[in-house]
Amino acid sequence: MKRGAKMNRIILFLLLFLTGCSQITVEEDFKNYAQTVTGYQQEIANKMNELQKEKITDFQQFSKEQFLPIVKEFVDKTSTLQPQTKEVAEIHEKYIEAVGLNYDVLSSISNLDGQTTDTSKQEELLKKLEKSQQLASEWKNSMDNLSKQYNVVLPDINLDVGNAIFRLP
């Protein structure tokens, strides 16, 4: 019986030790998150830069067939990220909401015909866009704060689309 109790203590100690070792720090989680999300941002920026080279004759068709699928892919990819710590998860939630709202606005705009004068729809889109911009700004500030705290250099994303509607936060 003594031997069994001793073995149980050893197993319990090993489990506690391994559990403690497997937890990730906020710094490590932030570094992983920043590297992944900026990689996704650069990927979409490269795709957008390529799209810019195409001659657009029908905005709605271009938007639905080429532009929005790229943005949707970006939203889907970033939505799958699962930060390990509360601090990074809270930042990520803002980002997901911001890019989701941005996608909704872009999708709605591409579905509007040029003759639409529905001011309530326009006001709704403007509110979504403003909320998206607010969340993106909060996300950026949080990212900047953590990057300073943990000495992480965030890369500039090369999105050369001038004054395009879609902007990365």
N, C-alpha and C. Protein backbone atom coordinates (compact mmCIF):
# COMPACT_ATOMS: atom_id res chain seq x y z
N MET A 1 0.82 -1.20 0.00
CA MET A 1 0.00 0.00 0.00
C MET A 1 0.86 1.25 0.00
N LYS A 2 1.93 1.24 0.76
CA LYS A 2 2.81 2.40 0.78
C LYS A 2 3.38 2.69 -0.59
N ARG A 3 3.74 1.63 -1.29
CA ARG A 3 4.32 1.79 -2.62
C ARG A 3 3.33 2.43 -3.58
N GLY A 4 2.04 2.04 -3.50
CA GLY A 4 0.99 2.61 -4.35
C GLY A 4 0.76 4.09 -4.05
N ALA A 5 0.79 4.45 -2.78
CA ALA A 5 0.61 5.86 -2.38
C ALA A 5 1.79 6.69 -2.87
N LYS A 6 2.98 6.12 -2.76
CA LYS A 6 4.17 6.83 -3.23
C LYS A 6 4.11 7.04 -4.75
N MET A 7 3.66 6.01 -5.46
CA MET A 7 3.54 6.10 -6.92
C MET A 7 2.49 7.15 -7.30
N ASN A 8 1.38 7.19 -6.58
CA ASN A 8 0.34 8.19 -6.85
C ASN A 8 0.87 9.61 -6.64
N ARG A 9 1.68 9.81 -5.61
CA ARG A 9 2.27 11.13 -5.37
C ARG A 9 3.21 11.52 -6.51
N ILE A 10 3.99 10.57 -6.96
CA ILE A 10 4.92 10.85 -8.08
C ILE A 10 4.13 11.21 -9.33
N ILE A 11 3.09 10.47 -9.61
CA ILE A 11 2.27 10.74 -10.80
C ILE A 11 1.61 12.10 -10.66
N LEU A 12 1.06 12.40 -9.49
CA LEU A 12 0.44 13.69 -9.24
C LEU A 12 1.45 14.83 -9.43
N PHE A 13 2.64 14.65 -8.89
CA PHE A 13 3.69 15.66 -9.03
C PHE A 13 4.03 15.87 -10.52
N LEU A 14 4.19 14.79 -11.25
CA LEU A 14 4.52 14.90 -12.68
C LEU A 14 3.41 15.61 -13.46
N LEU A 15 2.15 15.28 -13.14
CA LEU A 15 1.03 15.93 -13.81
C LEU A 15 1.01 17.43 -13.52
N LEU A 16 1.21 17.79 -12.26
CA LEU A 16 1.25 19.21 -11.90
C LEU A 16 2.41 19.92 -12.57
N PHE A 17 3.55 19.26 -12.61
CA PHE A 17 4.74 19.83 -13.25
C PHE A 17 4.51 20.03 -14.73
N LEU A 18 3.99 19.01 -15.40
CA LEU A 18 3.76 19.10 -16.83
C LEU A 18 2.68 20.12 -17.17
N THR A 19 1.65 20.19 -16.36
CA THR A 19 0.60 21.18 -16.58
C THR A 19 1.17 22.59 -16.45
N GLY A 20 1.99 22.81 -15.44
CA GLY A 20 2.61 24.12 -15.25
C GLY A 20 3.54 24.49 -16.39
N CYS A 21 4.24 23.51 -16.93
CA CYS A 21 5.18 23.77 -18.02
C CYS A 21 4.49 24.03 -19.34
N SER A 22 3.27 23.53 -19.50
CA SER A 22 2.61 23.65 -20.80
C SER A 22 1.90 24.99 -20.97
N GLN A 23 1.77 25.77 -19.91
CA GLN A 23 1.10 27.05 -20.04
C GLN A 23 2.02 28.04 -20.74
N ILE A 24 1.43 28.80 -21.63
CA ILE A 24 2.18 29.76 -22.41
C ILE A 24 2.07 31.13 -21.75
N THR A 25 3.13 31.89 -21.82
CA THR A 25 3.11 33.24 -21.24
C THR A 25 2.42 34.19 -22.20
N VAL A 26 1.98 35.32 -21.67
CA VAL A 26 1.37 36.35 -22.51
C VAL A 26 2.37 36.79 -23.57
N GLU A 27 3.62 36.93 -23.19
CA GLU A 27 4.65 37.36 -24.15
C GLU A 27 4.77 36.37 -25.31
N GLU A 28 4.84 35.09 -25.01
CA GLU A 28 4.96 34.08 -26.07
C GLU A 28 3.70 34.05 -26.93
N ASP A 29 2.55 34.12 -26.29
CA ASP A 29 1.29 34.11 -27.02
C ASP A 29 1.19 35.33 -27.93
N PHE A 30 1.58 36.48 -27.40
CA PHE A 30 1.52 37.70 -28.21
C PHE A 30 2.47 37.61 -29.40
N LYS A 31 3.66 37.13 -29.18
CA LYS A 31 4.62 37.00 -30.28
C LYS A 31 4.08 36.07 -31.36
N ASN A 32 3.53 34.94 -30.95
CA ASN A 32 2.94 34.00 -31.91
C ASN A 32 1.78 34.63 -32.66
N TYR A 33 0.91 35.31 -31.92
CA TYR A 33 -0.26 35.96 -32.51
C TYR A 33 0.16 37.05 -33.49
N ALA A 34 1.05 37.91 -33.06
CA ALA A 34 1.50 39.02 -33.91
C ALA A 34 2.13 38.49 -35.20
N GLN A 35 2.95 37.47 -35.09
CA GLN A 35 3.59 36.90 -36.27
C GLN A 35 2.54 36.31 -37.21
N THR A 36 1.58 35.59 -36.67
CA THR A 36 0.56 34.96 -37.51
C THR A 36 -0.35 35.97 -38.17
N VAL A 37 -0.87 36.91 -37.38
CA VAL A 37 -1.83 37.86 -37.93
C VAL A 37 -1.16 38.81 -38.93
N THR A 38 0.05 39.22 -38.68
CA THR A 38 0.73 40.09 -39.66
C THR A 38 1.10 39.29 -40.90
N GLY A 39 1.35 38.01 -40.75
CA GLY A 39 1.58 37.16 -41.93
C GLY A 39 0.33 37.08 -42.79
N TYR A 40 -0.84 36.91 -42.15
CA TYR A 40 -2.10 36.90 -42.88
C TYR A 40 -2.36 38.25 -43.55
N GLN A 41 -2.04 39.32 -42.84
CA GLN A 41 -2.24 40.66 -43.40
C GLN A 41 -1.36 40.87 -44.64
N GLN A 42 -0.12 40.43 -44.56
CA GLN A 42 0.77 40.59 -45.71
C GLN A 42 0.29 39.75 -46.88
N GLU A 43 -0.22 38.59 -46.59
CA GLU A 43 -0.75 37.71 -47.64
C GLU A 43 -1.91 38.38 -48.38
N ILE A 44 -2.86 38.96 -47.62
CA ILE A 44 -3.98 39.63 -48.28
C ILE A 44 -3.51 40.89 -49.00
N ALA A 45 -2.54 41.58 -48.42
CA ALA A 45 -2.00 42.78 -49.08
C ALA A 45 -1.40 42.42 -50.43
N ASN A 46 -0.67 41.33 -50.48
CA ASN A 46 -0.07 40.89 -51.75
C ASN A 46 -1.16 40.57 -52.77
N LYS A 47 -2.22 39.90 -52.33
CA LYS A 47 -3.32 39.56 -53.25
C LYS A 47 -4.02 40.82 -53.73
N MET A 48 -4.22 41.78 -52.83
CA MET A 48 -4.88 43.04 -53.20
C MET A 48 -4.02 43.83 -54.18
N ASN A 49 -2.73 43.82 -53.95
CA ASN A 49 -1.82 44.51 -54.87
C ASN A 49 -1.88 43.90 -56.27
N GLU A 50 -2.03 42.59 -56.34
CA GLU A 50 -2.17 41.92 -57.64
C GLU A 50 -3.49 42.30 -58.30
N LEU A 51 -4.56 42.36 -57.53
CA LEU A 51 -5.87 42.74 -58.07
C LEU A 51 -5.86 44.14 -58.65
N GLN A 52 -5.08 44.98 -58.04
CA GLN A 52 -5.02 46.39 -58.48
C GLN A 52 -4.53 46.51 -59.92
N LYS A 53 -3.81 45.52 -60.38
CA LYS A 53 -3.25 45.55 -61.74
C LYS A 53 -4.30 45.24 -62.80
N GLU A 54 -5.44 44.68 -62.39
CA GLU A 54 -6.47 44.30 -63.34
C GLU A 54 -7.32 45.49 -63.74
N LYS A 55 -7.79 45.46 -64.97
CA LYS A 55 -8.69 46.50 -65.47
C LYS A 55 -10.11 46.13 -65.05
N ILE A 56 -10.76 47.03 -64.35
CA ILE A 56 -12.10 46.76 -63.84
C ILE A 56 -13.11 47.45 -64.75
N THR A 57 -13.98 46.64 -65.33
CA THR A 57 -15.03 47.20 -66.17
C THR A 57 -16.39 47.15 -65.49
N ASP A 58 -16.59 46.17 -64.63
CA ASP A 58 -17.84 46.01 -63.89
C ASP A 58 -17.50 45.84 -62.42
N PHE A 59 -17.70 46.91 -61.65
CA PHE A 59 -17.32 46.91 -60.24
C PHE A 59 -18.02 45.79 -59.46
N GLN A 60 -19.33 45.65 -59.65
CA GLN A 60 -20.05 44.64 -58.88
C GLN A 60 -19.55 43.23 -59.18
N GLN A 61 -19.33 42.94 -60.44
CA GLN A 61 -18.84 41.61 -60.82
C GLN A 61 -17.44 41.39 -60.26
N PHE A 62 -16.59 42.39 -60.42
CA PHE A 62 -15.22 42.31 -59.89
C PHE A 62 -15.24 42.09 -58.38
N SER A 63 -16.08 42.87 -57.72
CA SER A 63 -16.16 42.79 -56.26
C SER A 63 -16.61 41.40 -55.81
N LYS A 64 -17.66 40.90 -56.41
CA LYS A 64 -18.22 39.61 -56.01
C LYS A 64 -17.33 38.43 -56.38
N GLU A 65 -16.69 38.50 -57.53
CA GLU A 65 -15.94 37.36 -58.04
C GLU A 65 -14.47 37.35 -57.62
N GLN A 66 -13.90 38.52 -57.38
CA GLN A 66 -12.47 38.55 -57.09
C GLN A 66 -12.12 39.18 -55.74
N PHE A 67 -12.65 40.36 -55.49
CA PHE A 67 -12.29 41.10 -54.29
C PHE A 67 -12.85 40.46 -53.02
N LEU A 68 -14.16 40.27 -52.96
CA LEU A 68 -14.78 39.75 -51.74
C LEU A 68 -14.31 38.34 -51.36
N PRO A 69 -14.08 37.44 -52.31
CA PRO A 69 -13.55 36.13 -51.91
C PRO A 69 -12.20 36.22 -51.19
N ILE A 70 -11.36 37.15 -51.60
CA ILE A 70 -10.07 37.33 -50.93
C ILE A 70 -10.28 37.85 -49.51
N VAL A 71 -11.17 38.82 -49.38
CA VAL A 71 -11.45 39.37 -48.05
C VAL A 71 -12.09 38.30 -47.16
N LYS A 72 -13.01 37.53 -47.72
CA LYS A 72 -13.68 36.47 -46.96
C LYS A 72 -12.66 35.42 -46.50
N GLU A 73 -11.73 35.06 -47.36
CA GLU A 73 -10.68 34.12 -46.99
C GLU A 73 -9.87 34.66 -45.80
N PHE A 74 -9.57 35.95 -45.85
CA PHE A 74 -8.82 36.60 -44.77
C PHE A 74 -9.62 36.55 -43.46
N VAL A 75 -10.90 36.90 -43.53
CA VAL A 75 -11.76 36.88 -42.34
C VAL A 75 -11.82 35.46 -41.77
N ASP A 76 -11.99 34.48 -42.64
CA ASP A 76 -12.07 33.09 -42.18
C ASP A 76 -10.76 32.64 -41.53
N LYS A 77 -9.64 32.98 -42.15
CA LYS A 77 -8.34 32.59 -41.59
C LYS A 77 -8.11 33.20 -40.22
N THR A 78 -8.36 34.50 -40.12
CA THR A 78 -8.11 35.16 -38.84
C THR A 78 -9.08 34.69 -37.76
N SER A 79 -10.26 34.27 -38.17
CA SER A 79 -11.24 33.78 -37.21
C SER A 79 -10.82 32.45 -36.58
N THR A 80 -9.96 31.72 -37.25
CA THR A 80 -9.53 30.43 -36.72
C THR A 80 -8.41 30.55 -35.68
N LEU A 81 -7.80 31.71 -35.60
CA LEU A 81 -6.74 31.90 -34.60
C LEU A 81 -7.32 31.75 -33.20
N GLN A 82 -6.60 31.06 -32.35
CA GLN A 82 -7.06 30.87 -30.98
C GLN A 82 -5.94 31.20 -30.00
N PRO A 83 -5.85 32.47 -29.63
CA PRO A 83 -4.84 32.84 -28.64
C PRO A 83 -5.01 32.04 -27.36
N GLN A 84 -3.90 31.81 -26.68
CA GLN A 84 -3.88 30.95 -25.50
C GLN A 84 -4.12 31.72 -24.19
N THR A 85 -3.91 33.02 -24.23
CA THR A 85 -4.03 33.81 -23.00
C THR A 85 -5.20 34.78 -23.10
N LYS A 86 -5.71 35.15 -21.94
CA LYS A 86 -6.85 36.07 -21.88
C LYS A 86 -6.52 37.42 -22.53
N GLU A 87 -5.33 37.94 -22.26
CA GLU A 87 -4.95 39.25 -22.77
C GLU A 87 -4.94 39.28 -24.30
N VAL A 88 -4.35 38.28 -24.90
CA VAL A 88 -4.26 38.24 -26.37
C VAL A 88 -5.62 37.89 -26.97
N ALA A 89 -6.37 37.02 -26.30
CA ALA A 89 -7.71 36.65 -26.79
C ALA A 89 -8.63 37.88 -26.84
N GLU A 90 -8.52 38.76 -25.84
CA GLU A 90 -9.36 39.97 -25.83
C GLU A 90 -9.00 40.88 -27.01
N ILE A 91 -7.74 40.99 -27.30
CA ILE A 91 -7.31 41.80 -28.45
C ILE A 91 -7.85 41.18 -29.74
N HIS A 92 -7.71 39.88 -29.83
CA HIS A 92 -8.14 39.17 -31.04
C HIS A 92 -9.65 39.30 -31.28
N GLU A 93 -10.43 39.26 -30.21
CA GLU A 93 -11.88 39.42 -30.34
C GLU A 93 -12.23 40.75 -31.01
N LYS A 94 -11.54 41.81 -30.63
CA LYS A 94 -11.76 43.11 -31.26
C LYS A 94 -11.43 43.05 -32.75
N TYR A 95 -10.33 42.40 -33.04
CA TYR A 95 -9.88 42.31 -34.43
C TYR A 95 -10.88 41.54 -35.28
N ILE A 96 -11.35 40.42 -34.76
CA ILE A 96 -12.32 39.60 -35.49
C ILE A 96 -13.60 40.39 -35.74
N GLU A 97 -14.05 41.09 -34.74
CA GLU A 97 -15.27 41.90 -34.91
C GLU A 97 -15.03 43.00 -35.94
N ALA A 98 -13.88 43.65 -35.89
CA ALA A 98 -13.57 44.73 -36.83
C ALA A 98 -13.52 44.23 -38.27
N VAL A 99 -12.80 43.15 -38.52
CA VAL A 99 -12.70 42.66 -39.90
C VAL A 99 -14.02 42.07 -40.37
N GLY A 100 -14.79 41.49 -39.45
CA GLY A 100 -16.11 40.98 -39.81
C GLY A 100 -17.06 42.09 -40.22
N LEU A 101 -17.07 43.17 -39.45
CA LEU A 101 -17.91 44.32 -39.81
C LEU A 101 -17.46 44.93 -41.13
N ASN A 102 -16.15 45.03 -41.31
CA ASN A 102 -15.61 45.58 -42.55
C ASN A 102 -16.05 44.74 -43.74
N TYR A 103 -15.99 43.42 -43.59
CA TYR A 103 -16.44 42.52 -44.66
C TYR A 103 -17.93 42.72 -44.94
N ASP A 104 -18.75 42.82 -43.89
CA ASP A 104 -20.19 43.03 -44.06
C ASP A 104 -20.46 44.31 -44.86
N VAL A 105 -19.74 45.37 -44.53
CA VAL A 105 -19.91 46.64 -45.23
C VAL A 105 -19.53 46.49 -46.70
N LEU A 106 -18.37 45.89 -46.94
CA LEU A 106 -17.92 45.71 -48.32
C LEU A 106 -18.87 44.84 -49.13
N SER A 107 -19.36 43.80 -48.51
CA SER A 107 -20.31 42.91 -49.17
C SER A 107 -21.60 43.65 -49.50
N SER A 108 -22.09 44.43 -48.56
CA SER A 108 -23.31 45.21 -48.78
C SER A 108 -23.12 46.23 -49.88
N ILE A 109 -21.99 46.89 -49.90
CA ILE A 109 -21.71 47.89 -50.94
C ILE A 109 -21.68 47.24 -52.31
N SER A 110 -21.08 46.08 -52.40
CA SER A 110 -20.99 45.42 -53.71
C SER A 110 -22.36 44.95 -54.19
N ASN A 111 -23.31 44.78 -53.26
CA ASN A 111 -24.65 44.35 -53.65
C ASN A 111 -25.59 45.52 -53.95
N LEU A 112 -25.17 46.72 -53.64
CA LEU A 112 -26.00 47.89 -53.94
C LEU A 112 -25.93 48.19 -55.43
N ASP A 113 -27.06 48.54 -55.99
CA ASP A 113 -26.99 49.01 -57.37
C ASP A 113 -26.70 50.51 -57.34
N GLY A 114 -26.22 51.03 -58.41
CA GLY A 114 -25.81 52.43 -58.48
C GLY A 114 -26.95 53.42 -58.25
N GLN A 115 -28.16 52.95 -58.30
CA GLN A 115 -29.31 53.83 -58.18
C GLN A 115 -29.87 53.90 -56.76
N THR A 116 -29.36 53.11 -55.86
CA THR A 116 -29.91 53.04 -54.50
C THR A 116 -29.72 54.36 -53.76
N THR A 117 -30.84 54.85 -53.24
CA THR A 117 -30.79 56.08 -52.45
C THR A 117 -31.43 55.85 -51.08
N ASP A 118 -31.46 54.60 -50.64
CA ASP A 118 -32.02 54.24 -49.35
C ASP A 118 -31.11 54.77 -48.25
N THR A 119 -31.50 55.91 -47.67
CA THR A 119 -30.64 56.54 -46.67
C THR A 119 -30.51 55.72 -45.40
N SER A 120 -31.54 54.96 -45.04
CA SER A 120 -31.43 54.14 -43.83
C SER A 120 -30.38 53.05 -44.03
N LYS A 121 -30.30 52.47 -45.22
CA LYS A 121 -29.28 51.46 -45.52
C LYS A 121 -27.89 52.10 -45.49
N GLN A 122 -27.79 53.29 -46.07
CA GLN A 122 -26.51 54.00 -46.07
C GLN A 122 -26.06 54.34 -44.66
N GLU A 123 -26.99 54.78 -43.82
CA GLU A 123 -26.67 55.10 -42.43
C GLU A 123 -26.24 53.86 -41.66
N GLU A 124 -26.91 52.75 -41.91
CA GLU A 124 -26.56 51.48 -41.26
C GLU A 124 -25.13 51.07 -41.64
N LEU A 125 -24.81 51.18 -42.93
CA LEU A 125 -23.46 50.83 -43.39
C LEU A 125 -22.41 51.77 -42.80
N LEU A 126 -22.74 53.03 -42.71
CA LEU A 126 -21.82 54.00 -42.14
C LEU A 126 -21.56 53.70 -40.66
N LYS A 127 -22.60 53.33 -39.91
CA LYS A 127 -22.43 52.98 -38.50
C LYS A 127 -21.55 51.74 -38.35
N LYS A 128 -21.77 50.75 -39.21
CA LYS A 128 -20.94 49.54 -39.17
C LYS A 128 -19.49 49.88 -39.48
N LEU A 129 -19.30 50.72 -40.47
CA LEU A 129 -17.94 51.11 -40.85
C LEU A 129 -17.26 51.87 -39.72
N GLU A 130 -17.98 52.79 -39.09
CA GLU A 130 -17.42 53.54 -37.96
C GLU A 130 -17.08 52.61 -36.80
N LYS A 131 -17.94 51.65 -36.52
CA LYS A 131 -17.68 50.69 -35.44
C LYS A 131 -16.45 49.85 -35.78
N SER A 132 -16.35 49.44 -37.03
CA SER A 132 -15.19 48.67 -37.49
C SER A 132 -13.91 49.48 -37.31
N GLN A 133 -13.95 50.74 -37.70
CA GLN A 133 -12.77 51.60 -37.57
C GLN A 133 -12.41 51.83 -36.10
N GLN A 134 -13.41 51.98 -35.24
CA GLN A 134 -13.16 52.16 -33.81
C GLN A 134 -12.49 50.92 -33.23
N LEU A 135 -13.04 49.74 -33.53
CA LEU A 135 -12.46 48.49 -33.04
C LEU A 135 -11.06 48.27 -33.59
N ALA A 136 -10.87 48.59 -34.86
CA ALA A 136 -9.54 48.43 -35.47
C ALA A 136 -8.53 49.35 -34.80
N SER A 137 -8.95 50.55 -34.46
CA SER A 137 -8.07 51.49 -33.78
C SER A 137 -7.72 50.98 -32.37
N GLU A 138 -8.72 50.46 -31.67
CA GLU A 138 -8.48 49.89 -30.34
C GLU A 138 -7.53 48.70 -30.44
N TRP A 139 -7.75 47.85 -31.45
CA TRP A 139 -6.89 46.69 -31.67
C TRP A 139 -5.45 47.15 -31.92
N LYS A 140 -5.30 48.13 -32.79
CA LYS A 140 -3.97 48.64 -33.14
C LYS A 140 -3.28 49.20 -31.90
N ASN A 141 -4.00 49.98 -31.10
CA ASN A 141 -3.43 50.53 -29.86
C ASN A 141 -3.01 49.42 -28.90
N SER A 142 -3.85 48.41 -28.76
CA SER A 142 -3.52 47.28 -27.88
C SER A 142 -2.29 46.53 -28.40
N MET A 143 -2.23 46.34 -29.70
CA MET A 143 -1.07 45.67 -30.31
C MET A 143 0.19 46.49 -30.07
N ASP A 144 0.09 47.80 -30.27
CA ASP A 144 1.24 48.68 -30.05
C ASP A 144 1.70 48.62 -28.59
N ASN A 145 0.74 48.64 -27.67
CA ASN A 145 1.08 48.60 -26.24
C ASN A 145 1.80 47.30 -25.88
N LEU A 146 1.26 46.18 -26.34
CA LEU A 146 1.91 44.89 -26.03
C LEU A 146 3.25 44.75 -26.75
N SER A 147 3.35 45.31 -27.95
CA SER A 147 4.62 45.22 -28.67
C SER A 147 5.71 46.01 -27.93
N LYS A 148 5.34 47.14 -27.34
CA LYS A 148 6.31 47.90 -26.54
C LYS A 148 6.65 47.16 -25.25
N GLN A 149 5.62 46.61 -24.62
CA GLN A 149 5.81 45.91 -23.35
C GLN A 149 6.73 44.70 -23.52
N TYR A 150 6.58 43.99 -24.63
CA TYR A 150 7.36 42.76 -24.83
C TYR A 150 8.46 42.91 -25.88
N ASN A 151 8.70 44.14 -26.30
CA ASN A 151 9.76 44.43 -27.25
C ASN A 151 9.63 43.61 -28.54
N VAL A 152 8.43 43.65 -29.11
CA VAL A 152 8.13 42.94 -30.35
C VAL A 152 7.97 43.98 -31.45
N VAL A 153 8.73 43.82 -32.52
CA VAL A 153 8.63 44.75 -33.64
C VAL A 153 7.54 44.24 -34.58
N LEU A 154 6.51 45.06 -34.77
CA LEU A 154 5.44 44.71 -35.69
C LEU A 154 5.79 45.23 -37.08
N PRO A 155 5.74 44.38 -38.09
CA PRO A 155 6.11 44.83 -39.43
C PRO A 155 5.06 45.75 -40.03
N ASP A 156 5.51 46.64 -40.89
CA ASP A 156 4.57 47.43 -41.68
C ASP A 156 4.07 46.54 -42.81
N ILE A 157 2.78 46.63 -43.08
CA ILE A 157 2.19 45.81 -44.13
C ILE A 157 2.15 46.64 -45.41
N ASN A 158 2.65 46.06 -46.48
CA ASN A 158 2.71 46.74 -47.76
C ASN A 158 1.40 46.57 -48.52
N LEU A 159 0.46 47.46 -48.26
CA LEU A 159 -0.83 47.44 -48.94
C LEU A 159 -0.91 48.68 -49.80
N ASP A 160 -0.52 48.55 -51.03
CA ASP A 160 -0.40 49.68 -51.94
C ASP A 160 -1.67 49.84 -52.78
N VAL A 161 -2.78 50.17 -52.11
CA VAL A 161 -4.02 50.33 -52.85
C VAL A 161 -4.59 51.74 -52.70
N GLY A 162 -3.73 52.67 -52.42
CA GLY A 162 -4.16 54.06 -52.38
C GLY A 162 -5.30 54.29 -51.41
N ASN A 163 -6.36 54.88 -51.90
CA ASN A 163 -7.51 55.19 -51.06
C ASN A 163 -8.62 54.18 -51.24
N ALA A 164 -8.28 52.92 -51.38
CA ALA A 164 -9.26 51.87 -51.57
C ALA A 164 -10.17 51.76 -50.34
N ILE A 165 -11.30 51.16 -50.54
CA ILE A 165 -12.28 51.01 -49.45
C ILE A 165 -11.72 50.11 -48.37
N PHE A 166 -11.08 49.00 -48.76
CA PHE A 166 -10.59 48.05 -47.78
C PHE A 166 -9.25 48.47 -47.26
N ARG A 167 -9.15 48.57 -45.97
CA ARG A 167 -7.87 48.89 -45.33
C ARG A 167 -7.69 47.94 -44.18
N LEU A 168 -6.48 47.52 -44.00
CA LEU A 168 -6.18 46.67 -42.86
C LEU A 168 -6.09 47.55 -41.64
N PRO A 169 -6.68 47.08 -40.54
CA PRO A 169 -6.60 47.87 -39.31
C PRO A 169 -5.18 47.98 -38.83
